[in-house]
């Protein structure tokens, strides 16, 4: 069978260094391995044209996002800013299936009839919930207003999903939400990621680790939360990010046991080495949206994890982590793990629970839908 697929990505999916693009990149890689010929359409706003993607795609088309004028549209900014007529014309040239990565990329569905082929939408979040969450965490009043407006627009726009043949949901809680709205066209396809096997590690690591994009308000809130926790104990915490945040760094510098490590795009082993040497992954979040890839990565590649309830809510991964509801409780869970050995029993428990996250099996599910 000749397998061909258009994938429309909201961002250039390499390097795979933040949540959404990790899912896109490793999905492309897995589909390619199973014989799919991929025609990638992607929006480029600062991540370049990496050669790595050419290994897995038949062709790659790059598009520029529209200006801030898109903010004033009745359509969500994340959708309107990706309105590109050339993309629509390219998609109409054949009848290959189309996978839209995120509601962000679905503008072609508004006025174009793709009834002669299969269309799929990958939901990376319940987007209006995600934006309401960003508004709640945001301190800048103008950004707070923008996020609230965007959330309202996204809630109204969500009905576009009726036009797709299939909706690929990313977590159990979101699958429940989208199935209630759109019925049997929803299929739960867990998140794609780098690891295929749970890594066996020595009994002890050397520090606690948090990693995340410090341009995102929920992540900066998480780091501030962790500083409040770790300033009370004499145990090292490393905060790792590809982006510096001046206010966060100022707070970190006040505490000798807390350090910041800048992640380098070019150094593929840097984050892996941090995982291998971390004893505890500390992952608070305040939004129960999507499935957090940082948690999946930590569970496959590192030792223990302490999280807030929102990180694991309705994921099926609750018993692989210790959960702290308050800063005091979070601190107690960290202290419990500091002197605890990481055992083979922990590895076996992870292997069993993480079976649904096998990338090739999930890529095959997409091929079967198509």
Protein backbone atom coordinates (compact mmCIF):
# COMPACT_ATOMS: atom_id res chain seq x y z
CA UNK A 1 0.00 0.00 0.00
CA UNK A 2 1.27 3.49 -0.91
CA UNK A 3 1.04 5.51 2.32
CA UNK A 4 1.12 9.29 1.88
CA UNK A 5 0.17 11.96 4.38
CA UNK A 6 0.15 15.75 4.63
CA UNK A 7 1.03 16.96 8.13
CA UNK A 8 0.33 20.62 8.94
CA UNK A 9 2.37 21.62 11.99
CA UNK A 10 1.80 24.77 14.08
CA UNK A 11 5.58 25.24 14.51
CA UNK A 12 8.81 23.81 13.08
CA UNK A 13 9.04 20.44 14.89
CA UNK A 14 12.81 20.42 15.32
CA UNK A 15 14.60 20.61 17.66
CA UNK A 16 12.04 18.71 19.79
CA UNK A 17 12.60 20.86 22.86
CA UNK A 18 9.12 21.77 24.09
CA UNK A 19 5.84 19.94 24.60
CA UNK A 20 3.89 20.29 21.37
CA UNK A 21 6.76 19.91 18.91
CA UNK A 22 8.07 16.85 20.76
CA UNK A 23 4.78 15.11 19.99
CA UNK A 24 4.89 16.24 16.33
CA UNK A 25 8.56 15.32 15.70
CA UNK A 26 8.44 11.84 17.20
CA UNK A 27 5.12 11.16 15.46
CA UNK A 28 6.72 12.06 12.11
CA UNK A 29 9.70 9.84 12.92
CA UNK A 30 7.51 6.86 13.90
CA UNK A 31 5.21 7.19 10.87
CA UNK A 32 8.24 7.41 8.58
CA UNK A 33 9.67 4.24 10.12
CA UNK A 34 6.40 2.44 9.31
CA UNK A 35 6.63 3.45 5.65
CA UNK A 36 4.56 6.65 5.55
CA UNK A 37 5.61 9.28 2.99
CA UNK A 38 5.19 12.61 4.73
CA UNK A 39 4.60 16.02 3.16
CA UNK A 40 5.22 18.48 5.95
CA UNK A 41 3.72 22.00 6.03
CA UNK A 42 4.99 24.08 8.92
CA UNK A 43 4.92 27.64 10.21
CA UNK A 44 8.34 29.14 10.77
CA UNK A 45 8.74 32.01 13.21
CA UNK A 46 12.29 31.75 14.40
CA UNK A 47 13.24 28.07 14.46
CA UNK A 48 14.83 27.94 11.02
CA UNK A 49 14.78 25.16 8.41
CA UNK A 50 16.55 22.21 10.08
CA UNK A 51 18.12 19.57 7.82
CA UNK A 52 17.15 16.84 10.29
CA UNK A 53 13.51 16.97 9.14
CA UNK A 54 14.55 16.11 5.57
CA UNK A 55 15.44 12.58 6.76
CA UNK A 56 11.77 11.84 7.46
CA UNK A 57 9.81 13.95 4.96
CA UNK A 58 9.33 13.73 1.18
CA UNK A 59 9.04 17.51 1.05
CA UNK A 60 8.79 20.38 3.51
CA UNK A 61 6.97 23.67 2.97
CA UNK A 62 7.61 26.62 5.28
CA UNK A 63 5.10 29.44 5.85
CA UNK A 64 5.34 32.74 7.69
CA UNK A 65 2.74 33.58 10.34
CA UNK A 66 0.63 36.69 9.86
CA UNK A 67 1.14 39.90 11.82
CA UNK A 68 -0.35 41.01 15.10
CA UNK A 69 -3.33 42.42 13.15
CA UNK A 70 -4.71 38.89 13.46
CA UNK A 71 -5.42 39.75 17.13
CA UNK A 72 -8.39 41.88 16.03
CA UNK A 73 -10.12 39.05 14.15
CA UNK A 74 -13.18 37.24 15.52
CA UNK A 75 -11.24 34.03 14.85
CA UNK A 76 -8.61 32.96 17.42
CA UNK A 77 -5.20 34.54 16.91
CA UNK A 78 -3.48 31.14 16.86
CA UNK A 79 -5.71 30.19 13.89
CA UNK A 80 -6.02 33.49 11.99
CA UNK A 81 -2.26 34.11 12.09
CA UNK A 82 -1.84 30.82 10.22
CA UNK A 83 -4.24 31.67 7.40
CA UNK A 84 -2.10 31.02 4.31
CA UNK A 85 -3.77 30.68 0.89
CA UNK A 86 -0.71 28.97 -0.59
CA UNK A 87 -1.02 26.20 2.01
CA UNK A 88 -4.67 25.62 1.05
CA UNK A 89 -3.81 25.47 -2.65
CA UNK A 90 -1.03 22.92 -2.02
CA UNK A 91 -3.35 20.73 0.05
CA UNK A 92 -5.95 20.79 -2.74
CA UNK A 93 -3.53 19.48 -5.40
CA UNK A 94 -3.99 15.82 -4.42
CA UNK A 95 -6.24 13.61 -2.28
CA UNK A 96 -3.73 12.42 0.33
CA UNK A 97 -4.99 12.37 3.95
CA UNK A 98 -4.28 15.50 6.03
CA UNK A 99 -3.28 15.58 9.70
CA UNK A 100 -3.76 19.03 11.27
CA UNK A 101 -1.52 19.39 14.32
CA UNK A 102 -3.60 21.32 16.83
CA UNK A 103 -6.66 23.47 16.27
CA UNK A 104 -4.07 26.17 15.41
CA UNK A 105 -3.61 24.80 11.87
CA UNK A 106 -7.25 24.18 10.92
CA UNK A 107 -7.95 27.38 8.95
CA UNK A 108 -8.06 25.37 5.67
CA UNK A 109 -11.13 23.52 7.03
CA UNK A 110 -13.19 26.72 7.31
CA UNK A 111 -13.96 27.19 3.62
CA UNK A 112 -12.33 24.25 1.86
CA UNK A 113 -14.12 21.01 1.12
CA UNK A 114 -11.82 18.06 1.72
CA UNK A 115 -14.61 15.50 1.35
CA UNK A 116 -12.54 13.44 -1.12
CA UNK A 117 -10.01 12.42 1.57
CA UNK A 118 -9.42 11.65 5.23
CA UNK A 119 -8.78 14.58 7.58
CA UNK A 120 -7.54 14.27 11.15
CA UNK A 121 -7.00 16.83 13.92
CA UNK A 122 -4.51 16.19 16.72
CA UNK A 123 -5.72 17.94 19.88
CA UNK A 124 -2.73 19.06 21.94
CA UNK A 125 -4.95 20.63 24.60
CA UNK A 126 -8.50 21.67 25.30
CA UNK A 127 -7.23 25.00 24.00
CA UNK A 128 -9.75 27.34 25.64
CA UNK A 129 -9.07 25.74 29.04
CA UNK A 130 -5.33 26.12 28.40
CA UNK A 131 -5.70 29.83 27.58
CA UNK A 132 -7.96 30.48 30.57
CA UNK A 133 -5.20 28.84 32.64
CA UNK A 134 -2.56 31.11 31.09
CA UNK A 135 -4.71 34.14 31.89
CA UNK A 136 -5.01 33.00 35.49
CA UNK A 137 -1.21 32.60 35.87
CA UNK A 138 -0.33 35.81 33.98
CA UNK A 139 0.52 38.96 35.93
CA UNK A 140 0.83 41.34 32.95
CA UNK A 141 -2.64 42.91 32.55
CA UNK A 142 -2.46 43.20 28.74
CA UNK A 143 -1.41 39.57 28.32
CA UNK A 144 -4.12 38.53 30.79
CA UNK A 145 -6.76 40.32 28.66
CA UNK A 146 -5.37 38.76 25.45
CA UNK A 147 -5.39 35.22 26.92
CA UNK A 148 -8.97 35.62 28.17
CA UNK A 149 -10.16 36.91 24.78
CA UNK A 150 -8.32 34.12 22.97
CA UNK A 151 -9.91 31.53 25.27
CA UNK A 152 -13.41 32.81 24.43
CA UNK A 153 -12.68 32.77 20.70
CA UNK A 154 -11.25 29.26 20.90
CA UNK A 155 -14.30 27.94 22.76
CA UNK A 156 -16.55 29.25 19.99
CA UNK A 157 -14.22 28.08 17.21
CA UNK A 158 -13.92 24.53 18.54
CA UNK A 159 -16.91 23.41 16.46
CA UNK A 160 -14.56 23.34 13.43
CA UNK A 161 -13.65 19.84 14.61
CA UNK A 162 -16.97 18.55 13.28
CA UNK A 163 -15.46 18.86 9.80
CA UNK A 164 -12.67 16.36 10.46
CA UNK A 165 -13.08 12.61 10.02
CA UNK A 166 -11.05 11.85 13.14
CA UNK A 167 -9.93 13.66 16.29
CA UNK A 168 -6.75 12.26 17.87
CA UNK A 169 -6.89 13.03 21.59
CA UNK A 170 -3.72 13.21 23.67
CA UNK A 171 -4.83 12.31 27.23
CA UNK A 172 -7.66 10.35 28.92
CA UNK A 173 -9.30 13.48 30.36
CA UNK A 174 -9.30 15.23 26.98
CA UNK A 175 -10.55 12.08 25.27
CA UNK A 176 -13.54 12.14 27.62
CA UNK A 177 -14.19 15.84 26.88
CA UNK A 178 -13.94 15.57 23.08
CA UNK A 179 -15.91 12.30 22.94
CA UNK A 180 -18.75 14.00 24.80
CA UNK A 181 -18.75 16.73 22.14
CA UNK A 182 -17.86 14.87 18.93
CA UNK A 183 -18.60 11.21 19.62
CA UNK A 184 -17.03 8.21 17.95
CA UNK A 185 -14.72 10.17 15.64
CA UNK A 186 -12.42 10.61 18.66
CA UNK A 187 -9.50 8.19 19.13
CA UNK A 188 -7.13 8.27 22.09
CA UNK A 189 -3.56 8.31 20.72
CA UNK A 190 -1.11 8.92 23.61
CA UNK A 191 1.66 11.45 23.27
CA UNK A 192 4.68 10.68 21.06
CA UNK A 193 8.10 11.09 22.64
CA UNK A 194 11.75 10.16 22.41
CA UNK A 195 12.03 7.19 24.72
CA UNK A 196 11.07 3.63 23.80
CA UNK A 197 12.26 2.00 27.02
CA UNK A 198 12.39 2.89 30.70
CA UNK A 199 16.03 3.57 31.57
CA UNK A 200 17.68 1.52 34.36
CA UNK A 201 19.75 3.77 36.60
CA UNK A 202 21.87 3.58 39.75
CA UNK A 203 20.20 3.72 43.16
CA UNK A 204 21.01 7.36 43.82
CA UNK A 205 21.05 10.61 41.89
CA UNK A 206 22.62 13.86 43.04
CA UNK A 207 19.95 16.58 42.85
CA UNK A 208 16.35 17.54 42.19
CA UNK A 209 15.50 18.72 38.65
CA UNK A 210 12.90 20.96 37.08
CA UNK A 211 12.90 21.59 33.32
CA UNK A 212 10.51 23.75 31.30
CA UNK A 213 10.08 26.70 28.95
CA UNK A 214 10.47 29.81 31.12
CA UNK A 215 8.61 31.96 28.59
CA UNK A 216 5.38 30.23 29.71
CA UNK A 217 3.67 31.76 32.74
CA UNK A 218 2.60 28.41 34.24
CA UNK A 219 6.26 27.30 34.21
CA UNK A 220 7.55 30.49 35.84
CA UNK A 221 4.86 30.07 38.49
CA UNK A 222 6.09 26.48 38.99
CA UNK A 223 9.71 27.60 39.47
CA UNK A 224 8.69 30.29 41.98
CA UNK A 225 6.77 27.59 43.84
CA UNK A 226 9.87 25.34 43.87
CA UNK A 227 12.13 28.13 45.11
CA UNK A 228 9.73 28.59 48.05
CA UNK A 229 10.00 24.84 48.75
CA UNK A 230 13.76 24.35 48.32
CA UNK A 231 14.84 27.44 50.23
CA UNK A 232 13.71 25.52 53.32
CA UNK A 233 16.02 22.52 52.81
CA UNK A 234 19.68 21.91 52.11
CA UNK A 235 19.26 19.83 48.95
CA UNK A 236 20.36 20.92 45.46
CA UNK A 237 17.78 21.92 42.85
CA UNK A 238 18.65 22.53 39.18
CA UNK A 239 16.24 24.56 37.05
CA UNK A 240 16.89 23.83 33.36
CA UNK A 241 15.46 25.76 30.43
CA UNK A 242 16.32 26.78 26.88
CA UNK A 243 15.29 30.31 27.81
CA UNK A 244 16.51 32.65 30.53
CA UNK A 245 14.05 34.56 32.70
CA UNK A 246 15.61 37.55 34.43
CA UNK A 247 13.24 37.64 37.44
CA UNK A 248 13.55 33.91 38.01
CA UNK A 249 17.36 34.06 37.80
CA UNK A 250 17.43 36.89 40.34
CA UNK A 251 15.47 34.73 42.80
CA UNK A 252 17.60 31.65 42.11
CA UNK A 253 20.83 33.58 42.75
CA UNK A 254 19.72 34.29 46.33
CA UNK A 255 19.90 30.59 47.25
CA UNK A 256 23.15 28.62 47.24
CA UNK A 257 21.43 25.23 46.77
CA UNK A 258 19.47 26.33 43.65
CA UNK A 259 21.14 26.76 40.25
CA UNK A 260 20.01 27.53 36.71
CA UNK A 261 21.26 25.57 33.69
CA UNK A 262 20.73 26.93 30.18
CA UNK A 263 19.87 24.15 27.75
CA UNK A 264 21.68 24.31 24.42
CA UNK A 265 19.69 23.27 21.29
CA UNK A 266 22.83 21.78 19.77
CA UNK A 267 23.73 19.61 22.77
CA UNK A 268 21.45 16.59 22.39
CA UNK A 269 22.85 14.87 25.49
CA UNK A 270 22.56 17.74 27.96
CA UNK A 271 19.00 17.12 29.15
CA UNK A 272 19.50 13.33 29.05
CA UNK A 273 22.52 13.70 31.35
CA UNK A 274 20.49 15.84 33.74
CA UNK A 275 17.81 13.14 33.87
CA UNK A 276 20.41 10.41 34.47
CA UNK A 277 21.93 12.32 37.38
CA UNK A 278 18.71 13.63 38.96
CA UNK A 279 17.37 11.75 41.97
CA UNK A 280 14.03 13.57 42.06
CA UNK A 281 12.13 15.32 39.26
CA UNK A 282 10.04 18.09 40.80
CA UNK A 283 7.19 18.99 38.47
CA UNK A 284 4.49 21.28 39.84
CA UNK A 285 1.88 22.61 37.42
CA UNK A 286 -1.32 24.53 37.99
CA UNK A 287 -3.16 23.55 34.82
CA UNK A 288 -4.74 20.13 34.38
CA UNK A 289 -4.62 20.38 30.58
CA UNK A 290 -3.16 17.90 28.13
CA UNK A 291 -0.52 15.40 29.13
CA UNK A 292 2.71 16.96 30.28
CA UNK A 293 5.58 15.68 28.15
CA UNK A 294 8.07 16.74 30.78
CA UNK A 295 6.47 14.14 33.06
CA UNK A 296 6.58 11.37 30.42
CA UNK A 297 10.24 12.17 29.70
CA UNK A 298 11.09 12.14 33.41
CA UNK A 299 9.31 8.82 34.01
CA UNK A 300 11.13 7.09 31.14
CA UNK A 301 14.56 8.67 31.64
CA UNK A 302 15.00 9.46 35.33
CA UNK A 303 14.25 8.26 38.86
CA UNK A 304 11.58 9.62 41.22
CA UNK A 305 8.97 12.31 40.53
CA UNK A 306 7.11 14.65 42.87
CA UNK A 307 4.21 16.55 41.28
CA UNK A 308 1.14 18.62 42.05
CA UNK A 309 -2.25 16.94 41.46
CA UNK A 310 -2.83 18.81 38.17
CA UNK A 311 0.23 17.14 36.61
CA UNK A 312 -1.24 13.64 36.80
CA UNK A 313 -5.00 14.24 36.99
CA UNK A 314 -6.83 11.57 34.93
CA UNK A 315 -3.62 10.41 33.23
CA UNK A 316 -3.39 6.92 34.72
CA UNK A 317 0.13 7.81 35.93
CA UNK A 318 -0.83 8.84 39.45
CA UNK A 319 0.82 5.89 41.21
CA UNK A 320 4.19 6.51 39.51
CA UNK A 321 4.61 9.82 41.37
CA UNK A 322 4.33 11.30 44.82
CA UNK A 323 1.72 14.06 44.89
CA UNK A 324 1.98 17.22 46.98
CA UNK A 325 -1.19 19.31 47.35
CA UNK A 326 0.49 22.18 49.20
CA UNK A 327 4.05 23.52 49.44
CA UNK A 328 4.40 21.92 52.87
CA UNK A 329 3.20 18.55 51.57
CA UNK A 330 5.37 18.88 48.45
CA UNK A 331 8.43 19.48 50.67
CA UNK A 332 7.63 16.37 52.76
CA UNK A 333 7.38 14.23 49.61
CA UNK A 334 10.77 15.54 48.41
CA UNK A 335 12.34 14.78 51.81
CA UNK A 336 10.90 11.23 51.66
CA UNK A 337 12.71 10.54 48.38
CA UNK A 338 16.06 12.16 49.27
CA UNK A 339 17.27 9.11 51.21
CA UNK A 340 15.32 6.48 49.28
CA UNK A 341 17.10 4.14 46.85
CA UNK A 342 15.78 3.84 43.29
CA UNK A 343 15.10 0.12 42.85
CA UNK A 344 14.44 -2.36 40.05
CA UNK A 345 10.91 -2.67 41.46
CA UNK A 346 10.35 1.00 40.57
CA UNK A 347 11.60 0.33 37.03
CA UNK A 348 9.28 -2.68 36.63
CA UNK A 349 6.29 -0.66 37.84
CA UNK A 350 7.07 2.06 35.28
CA UNK A 351 7.49 -0.45 32.42
CA UNK A 352 4.00 -1.83 33.09
CA UNK A 353 2.27 1.54 33.45
CA UNK A 354 4.01 3.18 30.48
CA UNK A 355 3.07 0.49 27.94
CA UNK A 356 0.39 2.73 26.30
CA UNK A 357 3.13 5.24 25.39
CA UNK A 358 4.91 3.05 22.81
CA UNK A 359 5.38 5.31 19.78
CA UNK A 360 5.38 2.72 16.99
CA UNK A 361 2.19 1.08 18.26
CA UNK A 362 0.48 4.48 18.38
CA UNK A 363 1.75 5.43 14.91
CA UNK A 364 0.24 2.18 13.59
CA UNK A 365 -3.13 3.21 15.10
CA UNK A 366 -3.02 6.41 13.03
CA UNK A 367 -2.20 4.45 9.87
CA UNK A 368 -5.16 2.14 10.54
CA UNK A 369 -7.52 5.12 10.90
CA UNK A 370 -6.30 6.54 7.60
